Amino acid sequence: MSEWCAENDERISVEIDQSKYAHLFNLEYCIKPGSTDKSALLVLNQEINVSPIFLKLWSTFKLRVCADGGANRLYDFFKDNESDRAMYLPDYIIGDFDSLKPETEEYYKKAGVVVIKQQTQYSTDFTKALYLISVHFNSPDFRRKVLESTETNHSIELFSGIHEWYDKTLKANKSRTLERISLLALGGIDGRFDQTIHSITQLYKLSSPDSQFNLCYLSATDLIFFVPSGGFLLEYTKEFRDQCIGNCGLLPLNGPTEIIETSGLKWDVKNWHTCVGEGKVSSSNRFVGIDKCFIDVKDGIVMNVEVFIDRIANCI
């Protein structure tokens, strides 16, 4: 079938039959999950550059975790306000601690934070944090043990104990589908390019149907998430679209694919071949659907949405 591209008016109504999409995604839930949802805020080892909304995000998510040097970033974020530093404590710090400063570790330990060292080099600090978040939400035994333990490392085996807990928790819950966890990661996209690419690989890795996570990254300029195949309806409020977001892109970072159809973008396409190597990418696009956008892709694709951090504070 031939490729098709059309430029739309600035505001159009988008109506999509439910049979056309397998995935429903609310854009605002990336930064404001439902009050009854399992949700976690993950601070990675890069400067916290979303200052206007950071404290609101902290209060919105049920669980807060620092991956290794992310604890340094949290500690430094409050360098001018010791009372806030003592108030905004993470629930966990986990990693191999090759980046965690001794004074940061000591401060949070004295404050009662659960600090878990994992020495294995067969997983990244990001993966260690994922396993910890999963176990926290799905194993009451784990929560009870780490809170009650007075032993070194909260009784978690030093090399790869969190992996063992993760495997045990999966086995204990194999007869039921685990509720998905809304995960917002800060600091995964800026900084070193190889670490940014690793962060992108996590979007693909966690896109499987049996994944426990809905992962989004937030930087000072973008929300980044995964659009799976099978039809994807993205919803947002008119106010959020008008005030808080700008351009967007559909990025085929896993290889050439086809955008089967979009509806609700400034430049909608059908049967559109897209490939980074050929320089054929839907970038600098934007939402014109009044309150939704439909995307159907042959293979899963990464999407970025430009955000205006200073305005988002009024939306969460």
C-alpha atoms as a PDB file:
ATOM      1  CA  MET A   1       0.000   0.000   0.000  1.00  0.00           C
ATOM      2  CA  SER A   2       1.221   3.488  -0.789  1.00  0.00           C
ATOM      3  CA  GLU A   3       2.399   5.884   1.878  1.00  0.00           C
ATOM      4  CA  TRP A   4       0.121   8.730   2.880  1.00  0.00           C
ATOM      5  CA  CYS A   5       0.792  11.933   4.823  1.00  0.00           C
ATOM      6  CA  ALA A   6      -1.600  14.780   5.594  1.00  0.00           C
ATOM      7  CA  GLU A   7      -1.293  18.090   7.420  1.00  0.00           C
ATOM      8  CA  ASN A   8      -4.179  18.677   9.830  1.00  0.00           C
ATOM      9  CA  ASP A   9      -5.734  21.791  11.292  1.00  0.00           C
ATOM     10  CA  GLU A  10      -4.466  22.862  14.708  1.00  0.00           C
ATOM     11  CA  ARG A  11      -7.413  21.224  16.486  1.00  0.00           C
ATOM     12  CA  ILE A  12      -9.300  18.183  15.269  1.00  0.00           C
ATOM     13  CA  SER A  13     -11.700  15.716  16.839  1.00  0.00           C
ATOM     14  CA  VAL A  14     -10.332  12.172  17.048  1.00  0.00           C
ATOM     15  CA  GLU A  15     -12.811   9.302  17.347  1.00  0.00           C
ATOM     16  CA  ILE A  16     -11.365   5.792  17.314  1.00  0.00           C
ATOM     17  CA  ASP A  17     -13.376   2.582  17.555  1.00  0.00           C
ATOM     18  CA  GLN A  18     -12.335   0.540  20.574  1.00  0.00           C
ATOM     19  CA  SER A  19     -11.661  -2.466  18.359  1.00  0.00           C
ATOM     20  CA  LYS A  20      -8.711  -0.652  16.759  1.00  0.00           C
ATOM     21  CA  TYR A  21      -6.518  -0.351  19.838  1.00  0.00           C
ATOM     22  CA  ALA A  22      -5.195  -2.808  22.400  1.00  0.00           C
ATOM     23  CA  HIS A  23      -3.494  -0.216  24.593  1.00  0.00           C
ATOM     24  CA  LEU A  24      -4.957   2.804  26.375  1.00  0.00           C
ATOM     25  CA  PHE A  25      -2.463   5.299  27.799  1.00  0.00           C
ATOM     26  CA  ASN A  26      -3.124   8.491  29.753  1.00  0.00           C
ATOM     27  CA  LEU A  27      -0.229  10.884  29.229  1.00  0.00           C
ATOM     28  CA  GLU A  28      -0.774  12.730  32.489  1.00  0.00           C
ATOM     29  CA  TYR A  29      -0.584   9.488  34.480  1.00  0.00           C
ATOM     30  CA  CYS A  30       3.163   9.456  33.737  1.00  0.00           C
ATOM     31  CA  ILE A  31       3.586  12.260  36.252  1.00  0.00           C
ATOM     32  CA  LYS A  32       0.367  11.899  38.232  1.00  0.00           C
ATOM     33  CA  PRO A  33      -0.624   8.242  38.686  1.00  0.00           C
ATOM     34  CA  GLY A  34      -3.962   7.326  40.196  1.00  0.00           C
ATOM     35  CA  SER A  35      -4.218   7.476  43.966  1.00  0.00           C
ATOM     36  CA  THR A  36      -4.918   3.742  44.178  1.00  0.00           C
ATOM     37  CA  ASP A  37      -2.232   2.695  41.678  1.00  0.00           C
ATOM     38  CA  LYS A  38       1.082   1.133  42.546  1.00  0.00           C
ATOM     39  CA  SER A  39       3.610   3.823  41.660  1.00  0.00           C
ATOM     40  CA  ALA A  40       7.305   4.509  42.150  1.00  0.00           C
ATOM     41  CA  LEU A  41       9.637   7.448  41.582  1.00  0.00           C
ATOM     42  CA  LEU A  42      13.169   6.337  40.708  1.00  0.00           C
ATOM     43  CA  VAL A  43      16.033   8.816  41.103  1.00  0.00           C
ATOM     44  CA  LEU A  44      19.045   7.907  38.963  1.00  0.00           C
ATOM     45  CA  ASN A  45      22.584   9.250  39.126  1.00  0.00           C
ATOM     46  CA  GLN A  46      22.199  12.531  37.285  1.00  0.00           C
ATOM     47  CA  GLU A  47      21.428  16.027  38.478  1.00  0.00           C
ATOM     48  CA  ILE A  48      17.778  16.517  39.389  1.00  0.00           C
ATOM     49  CA  ASN A  49      16.807  19.111  36.783  1.00  0.00           C
ATOM     50  CA  VAL A  50      13.052  19.221  37.256  1.00  0.00           C
ATOM     51  CA  SER A  51      13.162  21.525  40.280  1.00  0.00           C
ATOM     52  CA  PRO A  52       9.788  23.263  39.725  1.00  0.00           C
ATOM     53  CA  ILE A  53       7.884  19.995  40.118  1.00  0.00           C
ATOM     54  CA  PHE A  54      10.229  17.676  42.009  1.00  0.00           C
ATOM     55  CA  LEU A  55       8.599  18.024  45.421  1.00  0.00           C
ATOM     56  CA  LYS A  56       5.142  17.545  43.907  1.00  0.00           C
ATOM     57  CA  LEU A  57       6.323  14.403  42.150  1.00  0.00           C
ATOM     58  CA  TRP A  58       7.798  13.173  45.414  1.00  0.00           C
ATOM     59  CA  SER A  59       4.458  13.574  47.151  1.00  0.00           C
ATOM     60  CA  THR A  60       2.488  12.027  44.284  1.00  0.00           C
ATOM     61  CA  PHE A  61       4.284   8.672  44.005  1.00  0.00           C
ATOM     62  CA  LYS A  62       3.798   5.998  46.663  1.00  0.00           C
ATOM     63  CA  LEU A  63       7.380   4.686  46.678  1.00  0.00           C
ATOM     64  CA  ARG A  64      10.637   6.603  46.242  1.00  0.00           C
ATOM     65  CA  VAL A  65      13.868   4.808  45.399  1.00  0.00           C
ATOM     66  CA  CYS A  66      17.394   6.076  44.730  1.00  0.00           C
ATOM     67  CA  ALA A  67      19.647   3.943  42.552  1.00  0.00           C
ATOM     68  CA  ASP A  68      23.196   4.206  43.919  1.00  0.00           C
ATOM     69  CA  GLY A  69      24.535   7.708  43.133  1.00  0.00           C
ATOM     70  CA  GLY A  70      20.971   8.936  42.763  1.00  0.00           C
ATOM     71  CA  ALA A  71      21.088   9.309  46.540  1.00  0.00           C
ATOM     72  CA  ASN A  72      23.943  11.823  46.134  1.00  0.00           C
ATOM     73  CA  ARG A  73      21.755  13.788  43.723  1.00  0.00           C
ATOM     74  CA  LEU A  74      18.880  13.812  46.182  1.00  0.00           C
ATOM     75  CA  TYR A  75      21.171  14.860  49.027  1.00  0.00           C
ATOM     76  CA  ASP A  76      22.675  17.680  46.943  1.00  0.00           C
ATOM     77  CA  PHE A  77      19.258  18.855  45.754  1.00  0.00           C
ATOM     78  CA  PHE A  78      18.593  20.053  49.299  1.00  0.00           C
ATOM     79  CA  LYS A  79      22.039  21.580  49.879  1.00  0.00           C
ATOM     80  CA  ASP A  80      20.491  24.912  50.880  1.00  0.00           C
ATOM     81  CA  ASN A  81      17.680  23.505  52.996  1.00  0.00           C
ATOM     82  CA  GLU A  82      18.616  21.012  55.696  1.00  0.00           C
ATOM     83  CA  SER A  83      15.079  20.795  57.069  1.00  0.00           C
ATOM     84  CA  ASP A  84      13.731  19.721  53.669  1.00  0.00           C
ATOM     85  CA  ARG A  85      16.597  17.254  53.282  1.00  0.00           C
ATOM     86  CA  ALA A  86      15.541  15.612  56.535  1.00  0.00           C
ATOM     87  CA  MET A  87      11.899  15.590  55.426  1.00  0.00           C
ATOM     88  CA  TYR A  88      12.241  14.176  51.911  1.00  0.00           C
ATOM     89  CA  LEU A  89      13.784  10.792  52.614  1.00  0.00           C
ATOM     90  CA  PRO A  90      13.723   7.938  50.081  1.00  0.00           C
ATOM     91  CA  ASP A  91      12.187   4.625  51.058  1.00  0.00           C
ATOM     92  CA  TYR A  92      15.188   2.728  49.678  1.00  0.00           C
ATOM     93  CA  ILE A  93      18.689   3.223  48.324  1.00  0.00           C
ATOM     94  CA  ILE A  94      20.068   0.291  46.327  1.00  0.00           C
ATOM     95  CA  GLY A  95      23.094  -0.409  44.125  1.00  0.00           C
ATOM     96  CA  ASP A  96      26.664  -1.639  44.160  1.00  0.00           C
ATOM     97  CA  PHE A  97      27.584   1.723  45.714  1.00  0.00           C
ATOM     98  CA  ASP A  98      30.483   2.496  43.421  1.00  0.00           C
ATOM     99  CA  SER A  99      29.035   6.016  43.154  1.00  0.00           C
ATOM    100  CA  LEU A 100      27.384   6.510  46.540  1.00  0.00           C
ATOM    101  CA  LYS A 101      29.410   8.883  48.703  1.00  0.00           C
ATOM    102  CA  PRO A 102      30.174   7.596  52.223  1.00  0.00           C
ATOM    103  CA  GLU A 103      28.791  10.749  53.823  1.00  0.00           C
ATOM    104  CA  THR A 104      25.551  10.394  51.844  1.00  0.00           C
ATOM    105  CA  GLU A 105      25.204   6.755  52.833  1.00  0.00           C
ATOM    106  CA  GLU A 106      25.839   7.576  56.482  1.00  0.00           C
ATOM    107  CA  TYR A 107      23.334  10.438  56.493  1.00  0.00           C
ATOM    108  CA  TYR A 108      20.481   8.368  55.102  1.00  0.00           C
ATOM    109  CA  LYS A 109      21.263   5.345  57.247  1.00  0.00           C
ATOM    110  CA  LYS A 110      21.085   7.506  60.370  1.00  0.00           C
ATOM    111  CA  ALA A 111      17.789   8.920  59.095  1.00  0.00           C
ATOM    112  CA  GLY A 112      16.298   5.415  58.949  1.00  0.00           C
ATOM    113  CA  VAL A 113      16.346   4.861  55.190  1.00  0.00           C
ATOM    114  CA  VAL A 114      16.614   1.229  54.061  1.00  0.00           C
ATOM    115  CA  VAL A 115      20.020   1.064  52.349  1.00  0.00           C
ATOM    116  CA  ILE A 116      20.685  -2.191  50.467  1.00  0.00           C
ATOM    117  CA  LYS A 117      24.039  -2.952  48.879  1.00  0.00           C
ATOM    118  CA  GLN A 118      24.170  -5.437  46.010  1.00  0.00           C
ATOM    119  CA  GLN A 119      27.638  -6.256  44.725  1.00  0.00           C
ATOM    120  CA  THR A 120      26.754  -8.318  41.655  1.00  0.00           C
ATOM    121  CA  GLN A 121      27.980  -6.856  38.372  1.00  0.00           C
ATOM    122  CA  TYR A 122      25.608  -9.007  36.324  1.00  0.00           C
ATOM    123  CA  SER A 123      22.900  -6.380  36.600  1.00  0.00           C
ATOM    124  CA  THR A 124      22.929  -2.596  36.532  1.00  0.00           C
ATOM    125  CA  ASP A 125      21.805  -0.402  39.389  1.00  0.00           C
ATOM    126  CA  PHE A 126      18.696   0.331  37.322  1.00  0.00           C
ATOM    127  CA  THR A 127      17.809  -3.367  37.200  1.00  0.00           C
ATOM    128  CA  LYS A 128      18.524  -3.790  40.900  1.00  0.00           C
ATOM    129  CA  ALA A 129      16.111  -0.942  41.582  1.00  0.00           C
ATOM    130  CA  LEU A 130      13.442  -2.515  39.346  1.00  0.00           C
ATOM    131  CA  TYR A 131      13.683  -5.804  41.213  1.00  0.00           C
ATOM    132  CA  LEU A 132      13.495  -4.016  44.545  1.00  0.00           C
ATOM    133  CA  ILE A 133      10.401  -2.048  43.524  1.00  0.00           C
ATOM    134  CA  SER A 134       8.691  -5.211  42.294  1.00  0.00           C
ATOM    135  CA  VAL A 135       9.479  -7.113  45.485  1.00  0.00           C
ATOM    136  CA  HIS A 136       8.384  -4.219  47.689  1.00  0.00           C
ATOM    137  CA  PHE A 137       4.931  -4.107  46.127  1.00  0.00           C
ATOM    138  CA  ASN A 138       4.418  -7.858  45.784  1.00  0.00           C
ATOM    139  CA  SER A 139       6.022  -9.423  48.867  1.00  0.00           C
ATOM    140  CA  PRO A 140       4.703  -8.518  52.339  1.00  0.00           C
ATOM    141  CA  ASP A 141       7.369 -10.857  53.758  1.00  0.00           C
ATOM    142  CA  PHE A 142      10.100  -8.746  52.208  1.00  0.00           C
ATOM    143  CA  ARG A 143       8.665  -5.478  53.514  1.00  0.00           C
ATOM    144  CA  ARG A 144       8.345  -6.925  56.989  1.00  0.00           C
ATOM    145  CA  LYS A 145      11.844  -8.381  56.968  1.00  0.00           C
ATOM    146  CA  VAL A 146      13.688  -5.242  55.884  1.00  0.00           C
ATOM    147  CA  LEU A 147      11.737  -3.031  58.272  1.00  0.00           C
ATOM    148  CA  GLU A 148      12.237  -5.283  61.277  1.00  0.00           C
ATOM    149  CA  SER A 149      15.788  -6.446  60.631  1.00  0.00           C
ATOM    150  CA  THR A 150      18.664  -4.984  62.617  1.00  0.00           C
ATOM    151  CA  GLU A 151      21.238  -7.066  60.774  1.00  0.00           C
ATOM    152  CA  THR A 152      23.779  -5.811  58.253  1.00  0.00           C
ATOM    153  CA  ASN A 153      22.238  -4.935  54.880  1.00  0.00           C
ATOM    154  CA  HIS A 154      18.769  -5.525  56.382  1.00  0.00           C
ATOM    155  CA  SER A 155      19.343  -9.296  56.137  1.00  0.00           C
ATOM    156  CA  ILE A 156      19.559  -9.100  52.340  1.00  0.00           C
ATOM    157  CA  GLU A 157      22.418 -11.229  51.022  1.00  0.00           C
ATOM    158  CA  LEU A 158      25.178  -8.864  49.920  1.00  0.00           C
ATOM    159  CA  PHE A 159      25.984 -10.191  46.441  1.00  0.00           C
ATOM    160  CA  SER A 160      22.618 -10.715  44.747  1.00  0.00           C
ATOM    161  CA  GLY A 161      20.029 -11.048  47.484  1.00  0.00           C
ATOM    162  CA  ILE A 162      17.506  -8.804  45.785  1.00  0.00           C
ATOM    163  CA  HIS A 163      17.610 -11.039  42.698  1.00  0.00           C
ATOM    164  CA  GLU A 164      16.850 -14.044  44.895  1.00  0.00           C
ATOM    165  CA  TRP A 165      13.947 -12.210  46.510  1.00  0.00           C
ATOM    166  CA  TYR A 166      12.670 -11.225  43.066  1.00  0.00           C
ATOM    167  CA  ASP A 167      12.741 -14.815  41.790  1.00  0.00           C
ATOM    168  CA  LYS A 168      11.055 -16.054  44.964  1.00  0.00           C
ATOM    169  CA  THR A 169       8.352 -13.396  44.695  1.00  0.00           C
ATOM    170  CA  LEU A 170       7.617 -14.276  41.075  1.00  0.00           C
ATOM    171  CA  LYS A 171       7.232 -17.948  41.999  1.00  0.00           C
ATOM    172  CA  ALA A 172       4.917 -17.084  44.884  1.00  0.00           C
ATOM    173  CA  ASN A 173       2.703 -15.054  42.536  1.00  0.00           C
ATOM    174  CA  LYS A 174       2.878 -17.249  39.429  1.00  0.00           C
ATOM    175  CA  SER A 175      -0.817 -18.118  39.611  1.00  0.00           C
ATOM    176  CA  ARG A 176      -1.958 -14.508  39.266  1.00  0.00           C
ATOM    177  CA  THR A 177      -1.267 -11.503  37.074  1.00  0.00           C
ATOM    178  CA  LEU A 178       0.616  -8.848  38.990  1.00  0.00           C
ATOM    179  CA  GLU A 179      -0.752  -5.333  38.896  1.00  0.00           C
ATOM    180  CA  ARG A 180       1.409  -3.067  36.766  1.00  0.00           C
ATOM    181  CA  ILE A 181       3.507  -0.449  38.509  1.00  0.00           C
ATOM    182  CA  SER A 182       3.642   3.129  37.232  1.00  0.00           C
ATOM    183  CA  LEU A 183       7.349   3.969  37.226  1.00  0.00           C
ATOM    184  CA  LEU A 184       8.732   7.447  36.581  1.00  0.00           C
ATOM    185  CA  ALA A 185      12.516   7.611  36.263  1.00  0.00           C
ATOM    186  CA  LEU A 186      14.435  10.854  36.713  1.00  0.00           C
ATOM    187  CA  GLY A 187      17.934  11.226  35.300  1.00  0.00           C
ATOM    188  CA  GLY A 188      18.032   8.407  32.768  1.00  0.00           C
ATOM    189  CA  ILE A 189      18.186  10.444  29.573  1.00  0.00           C
ATOM    190  CA  ASP A 190      20.627  13.302  30.116  1.00  0.00           C
ATOM    191  CA  GLY A 191      24.347  12.965  30.777  1.00  0.00           C
ATOM    192  CA  ARG A 192      26.557  10.231  29.336  1.00  0.00           C
ATOM    193  CA  PHE A 193      25.339   8.957  25.987  1.00  0.00           C
ATOM    194  CA  ASP A 194      25.983   5.272  26.729  1.00  0.00           C
ATOM    195  CA  GLN A 195      23.861   5.538  29.870  1.00  0.00           C
ATOM    196  CA  THR A 196      21.120   7.242  27.875  1.00  0.00           C
ATOM    197  CA  ILE A 197      21.139   4.361  25.388  1.00  0.00           C
ATOM    198  CA  HIS A 198      20.956   1.888  28.269  1.00  0.00           C
ATOM    199  CA  SER A 199      17.910   3.747  29.560  1.00  0.00           C
ATOM    200  CA  ILE A 200      16.279   3.448  26.135  1.00  0.00           C
ATOM    201  CA  THR A 201      16.952  -0.296  26.093  1.00  0.00           C
ATOM    202  CA  GLN A 202      14.916  -0.567  29.291  1.00  0.00           C
ATOM    203  CA  LEU A 203      11.873   0.812  27.460  1.00  0.00           C
ATOM    204  CA  TYR A 204      12.115  -2.074  25.006  1.00  0.00           C
ATOM    205  CA  LYS A 205      12.947  -4.625  27.679  1.00  0.00           C
ATOM    206  CA  LEU A 206       9.948  -3.648  29.814  1.00  0.00           C
ATOM    207  CA  SER A 207       7.523  -3.533  26.886  1.00  0.00           C
ATOM    208  CA  SER A 208       6.659  -7.241  26.986  1.00  0.00           C
ATOM    209  CA  PRO A 209       3.047  -8.130  27.846  1.00  0.00           C
ATOM    210  CA  ASP A 210       4.132  -9.797  31.101  1.00  0.00           C
ATOM    211  CA  SER A 211       6.141  -6.787  32.284  1.00  0.00           C
ATOM    212  CA  GLN A 212       5.227  -5.395  35.683  1.00  0.00           C
ATOM    213  CA  PHE A 213       6.083  -1.799  34.780  1.00  0.00           C
ATOM    214  CA  ASN A 214       4.737   1.139  32.833  1.00  0.00           C
ATOM    215  CA  LEU A 215       8.014   3.047  32.501  1.00  0.00           C
ATOM    216  CA  CYS A 216       8.339   6.726  31.633  1.00  0.00           C
ATOM    217  CA  TYR A 217      11.411   8.935  31.748  1.00  0.00           C
ATOM    218  CA  LEU A 218      11.183  12.598  32.645  1.00  0.00           C
ATOM    219  CA  SER A 219      13.916  15.073  31.773  1.00  0.00           C
ATOM    220  CA  ALA A 220      13.924  18.866  31.846  1.00  0.00           C
ATOM    221  CA  THR A 221      12.566  18.852  28.294  1.00  0.00           C
ATOM    222  CA  ASP A 222      10.786  15.560  27.584  1.00  0.00           C
ATOM    223  CA  LEU A 223       8.554  12.734  28.660  1.00  0.00           C
ATOM    224  CA  ILE A 224       9.744   9.535  26.992  1.00  0.00           C
ATOM    225  CA  PHE A 225       7.840   6.254  26.845  1.00  0.00           C
ATOM    226  CA  PHE A 226       7.167   3.205  24.685  1.00  0.00           C
ATOM    227  CA  VAL A 227       4.394   2.818  22.113  1.00  0.00           C
ATOM    228  CA  PRO A 228       3.713  -0.908  21.556  1.00  0.00           C
ATOM    229  CA  SER A 229       2.226  -2.464  18.458  1.00  0.00           C
ATOM    230  CA  GLY A 230      -1.439  -3.396  18.377  1.00  0.00           C
ATOM    231  CA  GLY A 231      -2.989   0.071  18.395  1.00  0.00           C
ATOM    232  CA  PHE A 232      -2.251   2.723  21.031  1.00  0.00           C
ATOM    233  CA  LEU A 233      -4.727   5.374  22.136  1.00  0.00           C
ATOM    234  CA  LEU A 234      -3.041   8.214  23.987  1.00  0.00           C
ATOM    235  CA  GLU A 235      -5.323  10.462  26.045  1.00  0.00           C
ATOM    236  CA  TYR A 236      -4.754  13.840  27.694  1.00  0.00           C
ATOM    237  CA  THR A 237      -6.825  16.785  28.854  1.00  0.00           C
ATOM    238  CA  LYS A 238      -7.204  19.876  26.702  1.00  0.00           C
ATOM    239  CA  GLU A 239      -5.562  21.953  29.408  1.00  0.00           C
ATOM    240  CA  PHE A 240      -2.531  19.677  29.615  1.00  0.00           C
ATOM    241  CA  ARG A 241      -2.056  19.716  25.857  1.00  0.00           C
ATOM    242  CA  ASP A 242      -2.433  23.495  25.580  1.00  0.00           C
ATOM    243  CA  GLN A 243      -0.304  24.469  28.571  1.00  0.00           C
ATOM    244  CA  CYS A 244       2.193  21.735  29.354  1.00  0.00           C
ATOM    245  CA  ILE A 245       3.370  19.971  26.193  1.00  0.00           C
ATOM    246  CA  GLY A 246       4.817  20.906  22.824  1.00  0.00           C
ATOM    247  CA  ASN A 247       6.360  18.895  20.006  1.00  0.00           C
ATOM    248  CA  CYS A 248       6.647  15.118  19.857  1.00  0.00           C
ATOM    249  CA  GLY A 249       8.451  12.428  17.915  1.00  0.00           C
ATOM    250  CA  LEU A 250       7.994   8.776  16.973  1.00  0.00           C
ATOM    251  CA  LEU A 251      11.443   7.221  17.072  1.00  0.00           C
ATOM    252  CA  PRO A 252      12.176   3.766  15.551  1.00  0.00           C
ATOM    253  CA  LEU A 253      15.257   3.093  17.660  1.00  0.00           C
ATOM    254  CA  ASN A 254      15.037  -0.695  17.365  1.00  0.00           C
ATOM    255  CA  GLY A 255      15.315  -0.748  13.584  1.00  0.00           C
ATOM    256  CA  PRO A 256      13.160   0.023  10.540  1.00  0.00           C
ATOM    257  CA  THR A 257       9.420  -0.362  10.967  1.00  0.00           C
ATOM    258  CA  GLU A 258       6.140   0.955   9.644  1.00  0.00           C
ATOM    259  CA  ILE A 259       3.756   3.451  11.159  1.00  0.00           C
ATOM    260  CA  ILE A 260       0.504   1.876  10.023  1.00  0.00           C
ATOM    261  CA  GLU A 261      -1.668   4.836  10.967  1.00  0.00           C
ATOM    262  CA  THR A 262      -1.816   7.922  13.169  1.00  0.00           C
ATOM    263  CA  SER A 263      -4.754  10.173  13.946  1.00  0.00           C
ATOM    264  CA  GLY A 264      -4.437  13.345  15.974  1.00  0.00           C
ATOM    265  CA  LEU A 265      -0.977  14.552  14.987  1.00  0.00           C
ATOM    266  CA  LYS A 266      -0.269  17.718  13.015  1.00  0.00           C
ATOM    267  CA  TRP A 267       1.173  15.489  10.305  1.00  0.00           C
ATOM    268  CA  ASP A 268      -0.724  12.201  10.263  1.00  0.00           C
ATOM    269  CA  VAL A 269       0.554   9.270   8.235  1.00  0.00           C
ATOM    270  CA  LYS A 270      -0.528   5.861   6.957  1.00  0.00           C
ATOM    271  CA  ASN A 271       1.620   2.957   5.751  1.00  0.00           C
ATOM    272  CA  TRP A 272       4.668   5.106   6.464  1.00  0.00           C
ATOM    273  CA  HIS A 273       8.073   3.431   6.468  1.00  0.00           C
ATOM    274  CA  THR A 274      10.342   4.884   9.154  1.00  0.00           C
ATOM    275  CA  CYS A 275      14.037   4.250   9.731  1.00  0.00           C
ATOM    276  CA  VAL A 276      16.772   6.095  11.622  1.00  0.00           C
ATOM    277  CA  GLY A 277      19.442   4.921   9.173  1.00  0.00           C
ATOM    278  CA  GLU A 278      17.548   6.476   6.275  1.00  0.00           C
ATOM    279  CA  GLY A 279      16.867   9.716   8.135  1.00  0.00           C
ATOM    280  CA  LYS A 280      13.139   9.115   7.837  1.00  0.00           C
ATOM    281  CA  VAL A 281      11.706   9.817  11.281  1.00  0.00           C
ATOM    282  CA  SER A 282       8.539  11.551  12.464  1.00  0.00           C
ATOM    283  CA  SER A 283      10.113  14.309  14.571  1.00  0.00           C
ATOM    284  CA  SER A 284       8.971  17.845  15.444  1.00  0.00           C
ATOM    285  CA  ASN A 285       5.387  16.680  15.158  1.00  0.00           C
ATOM    286  CA  ARG A 286       2.720  17.725  17.670  1.00  0.00           C
ATOM    287  CA  PHE A 287      -0.692  16.787  19.012  1.00  0.00           C
ATOM    288  CA  VAL A 288      -3.683  18.449  17.375  1.00  0.00           C
ATOM    289  CA  GLY A 289      -6.301  15.968  18.559  1.00  0.00           C
ATOM    290  CA  ILE A 290      -8.480  17.800  21.054  1.00  0.00           C
ATOM    291  CA  ASP A 291      -8.017  15.230  23.805  1.00  0.00           C
ATOM    292  CA  LYS A 292      -6.468  12.139  22.245  1.00  0.00           C
ATOM    293  CA  CYS A 293      -4.142  10.733  19.606  1.00  0.00           C
ATOM    294  CA  PHE A 294      -4.161   7.295  17.973  1.00  0.00           C
ATOM    295  CA  ILE A 295      -0.964   5.533  16.910  1.00  0.00           C
ATOM    296  CA  ASP A 296      -0.682   2.123  15.260  1.00  0.00           C
ATOM    297  CA  VAL A 297       2.784   0.746  14.519  1.00  0.00           C
ATOM    298  CA  LYS A 298       4.007  -2.535  13.088  1.00  0.00           C
ATOM    299  CA  ASP A 299       6.732  -2.782  15.743  1.00  0.00           C
ATOM    300  CA  GLY A 300       7.043  -1.003  19.063  1.00  0.00           C
ATOM    301  CA  ILE A 301       8.502   2.490  18.916  1.00  0.00           C
ATOM    302  CA  VAL A 302       9.815   5.111  21.346  1.00  0.00           C
ATOM    303  CA  MET A 303       7.889   8.365  21.710  1.00  0.00           C
ATOM    304  CA  ASN A 304       9.084  11.626  23.175  1.00  0.00           C
ATOM    305  CA  VAL A 305       6.797  14.486  24.152  1.00  0.00           C
ATOM    306  CA  GLU A 306       8.222  17.929  24.831  1.00  0.00           C
ATOM    307  CA  VAL A 307       7.202  19.220  28.266  1.00  0.00           C
ATOM    308  CA  PHE A 308       7.294  22.653  29.860  1.00  0.00           C
ATOM    309  CA  ILE A 309       8.391  21.857  33.399  1.00  0.00           C
ATOM    310  CA  ASP A 310       7.513  25.227  34.903  1.00  0.00           C
ATOM    311  CA  ARG A 311       3.914  24.886  33.684  1.00  0.00           C
ATOM    312  CA  ILE A 312       3.428  21.265  34.696  1.00  0.00           C
ATOM    313  CA  ALA A 313       3.540  22.301  38.350  1.00  0.00           C
ATOM    314  CA  ASN A 314      -0.004  23.597  37.925  1.00  0.00           C
ATOM    315  CA  CYS A 315      -1.213  20.289  36.467  1.00  0.00           C
ATOM    316  CA  ILE A 316      -0.160  17.847  39.196  1.00  0.00           C
END
